[in-house]
Full PDB file with SEQRES, HELIX, SHEET, SSBOND, CRYST1, ORIGX, SCALE, CONECT and MASTER records, all heavy atoms in Angstrom:
SEQRES   1 A   31  HIS GLU MET ALA GLY ILE LYS ASP ALA LEU GLY ASN ASP          
SEQRES   2 A   31  VAL GLU MET ASN TYR LEU PHE MET ASP ALA LYS GLN ILE          
SEQRES   3 A   31  GLY SER ASP GLN ALA                                          
HELIX    1 AA1 GLU A    2  LEU A   10  1                                   9    
HELIX    2 AA2 ALA A   23  ILE A   26  1                                   4    
CRYST1    1.000    1.000    1.000  90.00  90.00  90.00 P 1           1          
ORIGX1      1.000000  0.000000  0.000000        0.00000                         
ORIGX2      0.000000  1.000000  0.000000        0.00000                         
ORIGX3      0.000000  0.000000  1.000000        0.00000                         
SCALE1      1.000000  0.000000  0.000000        0.00000                         
SCALE2      0.000000  1.000000  0.000000        0.00000                         
SCALE3      0.000000  0.000000  1.000000        0.00000                         
ATOM      1  N   HIS A   1       0.838  -1.205   0.000  1.00  0.00           N  
ATOM      2  CA  HIS A   1       0.000   0.000   0.000  1.00  0.00           C  
ATOM      3  C   HIS A   1       0.874   1.257   0.000  1.00  0.00           C  
ATOM      4  O   HIS A   1       0.590   2.240  -0.694  1.00  0.00           O  
ATOM      5  CB  HIS A   1      -0.906   0.013   1.225  1.00  0.00           C  
ATOM      6  CG  HIS A   1      -1.918  -1.078   1.249  1.00  0.00           C  
ATOM      7  ND1 HIS A   1      -3.085  -1.019   0.519  1.00  0.00           N  
ATOM      8  CD2 HIS A   1      -1.942  -2.259   1.906  1.00  0.00           C  
ATOM      9  CE1 HIS A   1      -3.786  -2.117   0.730  1.00  0.00           C  
ATOM     10  NE2 HIS A   1      -3.113  -2.882   1.571  1.00  0.00           N  
ATOM     11  N   GLU A   2       1.922   1.228   0.781  1.00  0.00           N  
ATOM     12  CA  GLU A   2       2.849   2.346   0.858  1.00  0.00           C  
ATOM     13  C   GLU A   2       3.478   2.613  -0.510  1.00  0.00           C  
ATOM     14  O   GLU A   2       3.553   3.754  -0.970  1.00  0.00           O  
ATOM     15  CB  GLU A   2       3.927   2.024   1.886  1.00  0.00           C  
ATOM     16  CG  GLU A   2       4.905   3.133   2.185  1.00  0.00           C  
ATOM     17  CD  GLU A   2       5.857   2.712   3.297  1.00  0.00           C  
ATOM     18  OE1 GLU A   2       6.584   1.715   3.104  1.00  0.00           O  
ATOM     19  OE2 GLU A   2       5.865   3.371   4.345  1.00  0.00           O  
ATOM     20  N   MET A   3       3.928   1.555  -1.155  1.00  0.00           N  
ATOM     21  CA  MET A   3       4.547   1.685  -2.468  1.00  0.00           C  
ATOM     22  C   MET A   3       3.556   2.227  -3.496  1.00  0.00           C  
ATOM     23  O   MET A   3       3.909   3.094  -4.313  1.00  0.00           O  
ATOM     24  CB  MET A   3       5.083   0.329  -2.916  1.00  0.00           C  
ATOM     25  CG  MET A   3       6.231  -0.196  -2.065  1.00  0.00           C  
ATOM     26  SD  MET A   3       6.645  -1.930  -2.448  1.00  0.00           S  
ATOM     27  CE  MET A   3       7.045  -1.803  -4.201  1.00  0.00           C  
ATOM     28  N   ALA A   4       2.332   1.736  -3.441  1.00  0.00           N  
ATOM     29  CA  ALA A   4       1.316   2.184  -4.401  1.00  0.00           C  
ATOM     30  C   ALA A   4       1.004   3.661  -4.214  1.00  0.00           C  
ATOM     31  O   ALA A   4       0.816   4.405  -5.187  1.00  0.00           O  
ATOM     32  CB  ALA A   4       0.047   1.346  -4.249  1.00  0.00           C  
ATOM     33  N   GLY A   5       0.934   4.120  -2.956  1.00  0.00           N  
ATOM     34  CA  GLY A   5       0.647   5.522  -2.691  1.00  0.00           C  
ATOM     35  C   GLY A   5       1.741   6.435  -3.200  1.00  0.00           C  
ATOM     36  O   GLY A   5       1.472   7.493  -3.785  1.00  0.00           O  
ATOM     37  N   ILE A   6       3.002   6.035  -2.987  1.00  0.00           N  
ATOM     38  CA  ILE A   6       4.130   6.842  -3.449  1.00  0.00           C  
ATOM     39  C   ILE A   6       4.164   6.893  -4.970  1.00  0.00           C  
ATOM     40  O   ILE A   6       4.350   7.960  -5.570  1.00  0.00           O  
ATOM     41  CB  ILE A   6       5.447   6.278  -2.894  1.00  0.00           C  
ATOM     42  CG1 ILE A   6       5.490   6.459  -1.372  1.00  0.00           C  
ATOM     43  CG2 ILE A   6       6.645   6.964  -3.542  1.00  0.00           C  
ATOM     44  CD1 ILE A   6       6.631   5.733  -0.702  1.00  0.00           C  
ATOM     45  N   LYS A   7       3.987   5.753  -5.606  1.00  0.00           N  
ATOM     46  CA  LYS A   7       3.997   5.699  -7.064  1.00  0.00           C  
ATOM     47  C   LYS A   7       2.876   6.534  -7.647  1.00  0.00           C  
ATOM     48  O   LYS A   7       3.044   7.243  -8.648  1.00  0.00           O  
ATOM     49  CB  LYS A   7       3.877   4.244  -7.526  1.00  0.00           C  
ATOM     50  CG  LYS A   7       3.917   4.067  -9.044  1.00  0.00           C  
ATOM     51  CD  LYS A   7       5.240   4.529  -9.632  1.00  0.00           C  
ATOM     52  CE  LYS A   7       5.294   4.294 -11.136  1.00  0.00           C  
ATOM     53  NZ  LYS A   7       6.565   4.795 -11.729  1.00  0.00           N  
ATOM     54  N   ASP A   8       1.712   6.482  -7.020  1.00  0.00           N  
ATOM     55  CA  ASP A   8       0.563   7.246  -7.492  1.00  0.00           C  
ATOM     56  C   ASP A   8       0.840   8.745  -7.393  1.00  0.00           C  
ATOM     57  O   ASP A   8       0.429   9.522  -8.260  1.00  0.00           O  
ATOM     58  CB  ASP A   8      -0.674   6.881  -6.663  1.00  0.00           C  
ATOM     59  CG  ASP A   8      -1.930   7.580  -7.145  1.00  0.00           C  
ATOM     60  OD1 ASP A   8      -2.278   7.433  -8.326  1.00  0.00           O  
ATOM     61  OD2 ASP A   8      -2.567   8.283  -6.333  1.00  0.00           O  
ATOM     62  N   ALA A   9       1.539   9.162  -6.334  1.00  0.00           N  
ATOM     63  CA  ALA A   9       1.823  10.582  -6.144  1.00  0.00           C  
ATOM     64  C   ALA A   9       2.858  11.098  -7.127  1.00  0.00           C  
ATOM     65  O   ALA A   9       2.729  12.195  -7.675  1.00  0.00           O  
ATOM     66  CB  ALA A   9       2.301  10.830  -4.715  1.00  0.00           C  
ATOM     67  N   LEU A  10       3.896  10.305  -7.376  1.00  0.00           N  
ATOM     68  CA  LEU A  10       4.984  10.760  -8.236  1.00  0.00           C  
ATOM     69  C   LEU A  10       4.672  10.607  -9.718  1.00  0.00           C  
ATOM     70  O   LEU A  10       5.256  11.296 -10.546  1.00  0.00           O  
ATOM     71  CB  LEU A  10       6.263   9.992  -7.894  1.00  0.00           C  
ATOM     72  CG  LEU A  10       6.812  10.221  -6.483  1.00  0.00           C  
ATOM     73  CD1 LEU A  10       8.091   9.432  -6.276  1.00  0.00           C  
ATOM     74  CD2 LEU A  10       7.059  11.694  -6.220  1.00  0.00           C  
ATOM     75  N   GLY A  11       3.753   9.701 -10.053  1.00  0.00           N  
ATOM     76  CA  GLY A  11       3.353   9.553 -11.443  1.00  0.00           C  
ATOM     77  C   GLY A  11       4.288   8.665 -12.252  1.00  0.00           C  
ATOM     78  O   GLY A  11       5.306   8.174 -11.763  1.00  0.00           O  
ATOM     79  N   ASN A  12       3.943   8.501 -13.505  1.00  0.00           N  
ATOM     80  CA  ASN A  12       4.671   7.572 -14.372  1.00  0.00           C  
ATOM     81  C   ASN A  12       5.946   8.156 -14.970  1.00  0.00           C  
ATOM     82  O   ASN A  12       6.732   7.436 -15.587  1.00  0.00           O  
ATOM     83  CB  ASN A  12       3.757   7.095 -15.501  1.00  0.00           C  
ATOM     84  CG  ASN A  12       2.599   6.268 -14.985  1.00  0.00           C  
ATOM     85  OD1 ASN A  12       2.739   5.523 -14.020  1.00  0.00           O  
ATOM     86  ND2 ASN A  12       1.437   6.416 -15.620  1.00  0.00           N  
ATOM     87  N   ASP A  13       6.155   9.469 -14.813  1.00  0.00           N  
ATOM     88  CA  ASP A  13       7.341  10.084 -15.388  1.00  0.00           C  
ATOM     89  C   ASP A  13       8.576   9.902 -14.515  1.00  0.00           C  
ATOM     90  O   ASP A  13       9.684  10.248 -14.933  1.00  0.00           O  
ATOM     91  CB  ASP A  13       7.103  11.581 -15.605  1.00  0.00           C  
ATOM     92  CG  ASP A  13       6.051  11.848 -16.684  1.00  0.00           C  
ATOM     93  OD1 ASP A  13       5.895  10.977 -17.560  1.00  0.00           O  
ATOM     94  OD2 ASP A  13       5.410  12.898 -16.635  1.00  0.00           O  
ATOM     95  N   VAL A  14       8.376   9.391 -13.293  1.00  0.00           N  
ATOM     96  CA  VAL A  14       9.489   9.177 -12.376  1.00  0.00           C  
ATOM     97  C   VAL A  14       9.785   7.681 -12.293  1.00  0.00           C  
ATOM     98  O   VAL A  14       8.900   6.872 -12.038  1.00  0.00           O  
ATOM     99  CB  VAL A  14       9.167   9.713 -10.965  1.00  0.00           C  
ATOM    100  CG1 VAL A  14      10.298   9.397  -9.995  1.00  0.00           C  
ATOM    101  CG2 VAL A  14       8.925  11.221 -11.027  1.00  0.00           C  
ATOM    102  N   GLU A  15      11.033   7.313 -12.511  1.00  0.00           N  
ATOM    103  CA  GLU A  15      11.441   5.912 -12.392  1.00  0.00           C  
ATOM    104  C   GLU A  15      11.647   5.567 -10.921  1.00  0.00           C  
ATOM    105  O   GLU A  15      12.416   6.216 -10.219  1.00  0.00           O  
ATOM    106  CB  GLU A  15      12.740   5.681 -13.150  1.00  0.00           C  
ATOM    107  CG  GLU A  15      13.288   4.266 -13.021  1.00  0.00           C  
ATOM    108  CD  GLU A  15      14.674   4.110 -13.611  1.00  0.00           C  
ATOM    109  OE1 GLU A  15      15.053   4.944 -14.461  1.00  0.00           O  
ATOM    110  OE2 GLU A  15      15.384   3.170 -13.201  1.00  0.00           O  
ATOM    111  N   MET A  16      10.950   4.535 -10.452  1.00  0.00           N  
ATOM    112  CA  MET A  16      11.060   4.103  -9.063  1.00  0.00           C  
ATOM    113  C   MET A  16      11.892   2.837  -8.952  1.00  0.00           C  
ATOM    114  O   MET A  16      11.728   1.901  -9.722  1.00  0.00           O  
ATOM    115  CB  MET A  16       9.671   3.824  -8.474  1.00  0.00           C  
ATOM    116  CG  MET A  16       8.834   5.069  -8.211  1.00  0.00           C  
ATOM    117  SD  MET A  16       9.489   6.095  -6.877  1.00  0.00           S  
ATOM    118  CE  MET A  16       9.600   4.926  -5.515  1.00  0.00           C  
ATOM    119  N   ASN A  17      12.802   2.818  -7.993  1.00  0.00           N  
ATOM    120  CA  ASN A  17      13.542   1.610  -7.637  1.00  0.00           C  
ATOM    121  C   ASN A  17      13.322   1.337  -6.153  1.00  0.00           C  
ATOM    122  O   ASN A  17      13.033   2.252  -5.371  1.00  0.00           O  
ATOM    123  CB  ASN A  17      15.035   1.763  -7.917  1.00  0.00           C  
ATOM    124  CG  ASN A  17      15.353   1.765  -9.400  1.00  0.00           C  
ATOM    125  OD1 ASN A  17      16.334   2.354  -9.826  1.00  0.00           O  
ATOM    126  ND2 ASN A  17      14.539   1.123 -10.225  1.00  0.00           N  
ATOM    127  N   TYR A  18      13.467   0.058  -5.752  1.00  0.00           N  
ATOM    128  CA  TYR A  18      13.144  -0.336  -4.385  1.00  0.00           C  
ATOM    129  C   TYR A  18      14.239  -1.232  -3.810  1.00  0.00           C  
ATOM    130  O   TYR A  18      14.768  -2.108  -4.492  1.00  0.00           O  
ATOM    131  CB  TYR A  18      11.810  -1.097  -4.347  1.00  0.00           C  
ATOM    132  CG  TYR A  18      10.663  -0.372  -5.016  1.00  0.00           C  
ATOM    133  CD1 TYR A  18      10.386  -0.590  -6.374  1.00  0.00           C  
ATOM    134  CD2 TYR A  18       9.877   0.528  -4.310  1.00  0.00           C  
ATOM    135  CE1 TYR A  18       9.341   0.079  -6.998  1.00  0.00           C  
ATOM    136  CE2 TYR A  18       8.821   1.199  -4.927  1.00  0.00           C  
ATOM    137  CZ  TYR A  18       8.567   0.977  -6.273  1.00  0.00           C  
ATOM    138  OH  TYR A  18       7.535   1.640  -6.891  1.00  0.00           O  
ATOM    139  N   LEU A  19      14.566  -0.996  -2.549  1.00  0.00           N  
ATOM    140  CA  LEU A  19      15.443  -1.875  -1.784  1.00  0.00           C  
ATOM    141  C   LEU A  19      14.757  -2.208  -0.464  1.00  0.00           C  
ATOM    142  O   LEU A  19      14.242  -1.305   0.212  1.00  0.00           O  
ATOM    143  CB  LEU A  19      16.801  -1.214  -1.516  1.00  0.00           C  
ATOM    144  CG  LEU A  19      17.733  -1.042  -2.713  1.00  0.00           C  
ATOM    145  CD1 LEU A  19      18.966  -0.245  -2.309  1.00  0.00           C  
ATOM    146  CD2 LEU A  19      18.137  -2.397  -3.286  1.00  0.00           C  
ATOM    147  N   PHE A  20      14.747  -3.497  -0.098  1.00  0.00           N  
ATOM    148  CA  PHE A  20      14.047  -3.944   1.105  1.00  0.00           C  
ATOM    149  C   PHE A  20      15.054  -4.511   2.111  1.00  0.00           C  
ATOM    150  O   PHE A  20      15.818  -5.421   1.784  1.00  0.00           O  
ATOM    151  CB  PHE A  20      12.998  -5.002   0.745  1.00  0.00           C  
ATOM    152  CG  PHE A  20      11.969  -4.514  -0.247  1.00  0.00           C  
ATOM    153  CD1 PHE A  20      12.129  -4.754  -1.607  1.00  0.00           C  
ATOM    154  CD2 PHE A  20      10.872  -3.801   0.194  1.00  0.00           C  
ATOM    155  CE1 PHE A  20      11.193  -4.292  -2.519  1.00  0.00           C  
ATOM    156  CE2 PHE A  20       9.926  -3.333  -0.716  1.00  0.00           C  
ATOM    157  CZ  PHE A  20      10.089  -3.579  -2.071  1.00  0.00           C  
ATOM    158  N   MET A  21      15.018  -3.990   3.334  1.00  0.00           N  
ATOM    159  CA  MET A  21      15.967  -4.421   4.360  1.00  0.00           C  
ATOM    160  C   MET A  21      15.525  -5.708   5.057  1.00  0.00           C  
ATOM    161  O   MET A  21      16.350  -6.450   5.578  1.00  0.00           O  
ATOM    162  CB  MET A  21      16.145  -3.310   5.401  1.00  0.00           C  
ATOM    163  CG  MET A  21      16.743  -2.043   4.839  1.00  0.00           C  
ATOM    164  SD  MET A  21      16.979  -0.735   6.090  1.00  0.00           S  
ATOM    165  CE  MET A  21      18.305  -1.462   7.089  1.00  0.00           C  
ATOM    166  N   ASP A  22      14.211  -5.951   5.142  1.00  0.00           N  
ATOM    167  CA  ASP A  22      13.672  -7.147   5.792  1.00  0.00           C  
ATOM    168  C   ASP A  22      14.108  -7.245   7.257  1.00  0.00           C  
ATOM    169  O   ASP A  22      14.402  -8.329   7.775  1.00  0.00           O  
ATOM    170  CB  ASP A  22      14.094  -8.402   5.030  1.00  0.00           C  
ATOM    171  CG  ASP A  22      13.205  -9.604   5.357  1.00  0.00           C  
ATOM    172  OD1 ASP A  22      12.106  -9.400   5.921  1.00  0.00           O  
ATOM    173  OD2 ASP A  22      13.618 -10.735   5.067  1.00  0.00           O  
ATOM    174  N   ALA A  23      14.135  -6.111   7.945  1.00  0.00           N  
ATOM    175  CA  ALA A  23      14.637  -6.073   9.320  1.00  0.00           C  
ATOM    176  C   ALA A  23      13.767  -6.845  10.294  1.00  0.00           C  
ATOM    177  O   ALA A  23      14.264  -7.322  11.325  1.00  0.00           O  
ATOM    178  CB  ALA A  23      14.759  -4.614   9.777  1.00  0.00           C  
ATOM    179  N   LYS A  24      12.491  -7.004  10.004  1.00  0.00           N  
ATOM    180  CA  LYS A  24      11.616  -7.747  10.909  1.00  0.00           C  
ATOM    181  C   LYS A  24      11.995  -9.223  10.960  1.00  0.00           C  
ATOM    182  O   LYS A  24      11.798  -9.882  11.983  1.00  0.00           O  
ATOM    183  CB  LYS A  24      10.157  -7.608  10.463  1.00  0.00           C  
ATOM    184  CG  LYS A  24       9.557  -6.225  10.666  1.00  0.00           C  
ATOM    185  CD  LYS A  24       9.383  -5.893  12.137  1.00  0.00           C  
ATOM    186  CE  LYS A  24       8.630  -4.586  12.313  1.00  0.00           C  
ATOM    187  NZ  LYS A  24       8.515  -4.183  13.736  1.00  0.00           N  
ATOM    188  N   GLN A  25      12.528  -9.745   9.858  1.00  0.00           N  
ATOM    189  CA  GLN A  25      12.839 -11.164   9.797  1.00  0.00           C  
ATOM    190  C   GLN A  25      14.283 -11.470  10.209  1.00  0.00           C  
ATOM    191  O   GLN A  25      14.537 -12.452  10.901  1.00  0.00           O  
ATOM    192  CB  GLN A  25      12.595 -11.691   8.373  1.00  0.00           C  
ATOM    193  CG  GLN A  25      11.132 -11.665   7.952  1.00  0.00           C  
ATOM    194  CD  GLN A  25      10.281 -12.595   8.784  1.00  0.00           C  
ATOM    195  OE1 GLN A  25      10.705 -13.686   9.146  1.00  0.00           O  
ATOM    196  NE2 GLN A  25       9.062 -12.176   9.103  1.00  0.00           N  
ATOM    197  N   ILE A  26      15.222 -10.642   9.779  1.00  0.00           N  
ATOM    198  CA  ILE A  26      16.627 -10.978   9.996  1.00  0.00           C  
ATOM    199  C   ILE A  26      17.285 -10.121  11.069  1.00  0.00           C  
ATOM    200  O   ILE A  26      18.448 -10.357  11.416  1.00  0.00           O  
ATOM    201  CB  ILE A  26      17.427 -10.869   8.687  1.00  0.00           C  
ATOM    202  CG1 ILE A  26      17.443  -9.423   8.169  1.00  0.00           C  
ATOM    203  CG2 ILE A  26      16.845 -11.797   7.631  1.00  0.00           C  
ATOM    204  CD1 ILE A  26      18.290  -9.244   6.907  1.00  0.00           C  
ATOM    205  N   GLY A  27      16.575  -9.136  11.600  1.00  0.00           N  
ATOM    206  CA  GLY A  27      17.143  -8.286  12.640  1.00  0.00           C  
ATOM    207  C   GLY A  27      17.823  -7.053  12.066  1.00  0.00           C  
ATOM    208  O   GLY A  27      18.290  -7.057  10.915  1.00  0.00           O  
ATOM    209  N   SER A  28      17.910  -6.007  12.870  1.00  0.00           N  
ATOM    210  CA  SER A  28      18.416  -4.716  12.398  1.00  0.00           C  
ATOM    211  C   SER A  28      19.882  -4.776  11.979  1.00  0.00           C  
ATOM    212  O   SER A  28      20.272  -4.210  10.951  1.00  0.00           O  
ATOM    213  CB  SER A  28      18.222  -3.653  13.477  1.00  0.00           C  
ATOM    214  OG  SER A  28      16.844  -3.453  13.749  1.00  0.00           O  
ATOM    215  N   ASP A  29      20.718  -5.444  12.760  1.00  0.00           N  
ATOM    216  CA  ASP A  29      22.152  -5.465  12.464  1.00  0.00           C  
ATOM    217  C   ASP A  29      22.457  -6.157  11.140  1.00  0.00           C  
ATOM    218  O   ASP A  29      23.223  -5.655  10.313  1.00  0.00           O  
ATOM    219  CB  ASP A  29      22.923  -6.151  13.597  1.00  0.00           C  
ATOM    220  CG  ASP A  29      22.910  -5.348  14.882  1.00  0.00           C  
ATOM    221  OD1 ASP A  29      22.639  -4.129  14.816  1.00  0.00           O  
ATOM    222  OD2 ASP A  29      23.166  -5.926  15.950  1.00  0.00           O  
ATOM    223  N   GLN A  30      21.849  -7.323  10.929  1.00  0.00           N  
ATOM    224  CA  GLN A  30      22.087  -8.049   9.690  1.00  0.00           C  
ATOM    225  C   GLN A  30      21.472  -7.315   8.500  1.00  0.00           C  
ATOM    226  O   GLN A  30      22.059  -7.283   7.415  1.00  0.00           O  
ATOM    227  CB  GLN A  30      21.516  -9.463   9.777  1.00  0.00           C  
ATOM    228  CG  GLN A  30      21.864 -10.329   8.559  1.00  0.00           C  
ATOM    229  CD  GLN A  30      21.390 -11.771   8.711  1.00  0.00           C  
ATOM    230  OE1 GLN A  30      20.994 -12.200   9.783  1.00  0.00           O  
ATOM    231  NE2 GLN A  30      21.444 -12.521   7.626  1.00  0.00           N  
ATOM    232  N   ALA A  31      20.299  -6.731   8.723  1.00  0.00           N  
ATOM    233  CA  ALA A  31      19.656  -5.977   7.647  1.00  0.00           C  
ATOM    234  C   ALA A  31      20.526  -4.801   7.219  1.00  0.00           C  
ATOM    235  O   ALA A  31      20.653  -4.505   6.024  1.00  0.00           O  
ATOM    236  CB  ALA A  31      18.285  -5.483   8.104  1.00  0.00           C  
TER     237      ALA A  31                                                      
MASTER        0    0    0    2    0    0    0    6  236    1    0    3          
END                                                                             
């Protein structure tokens, strides 16, 4: 939902890239 809201706001003229830390699963230090 967060990603969809940001993409909707910035529109199709902006190229979006994503990086996911997954801190909930692997912990903050490893992430």
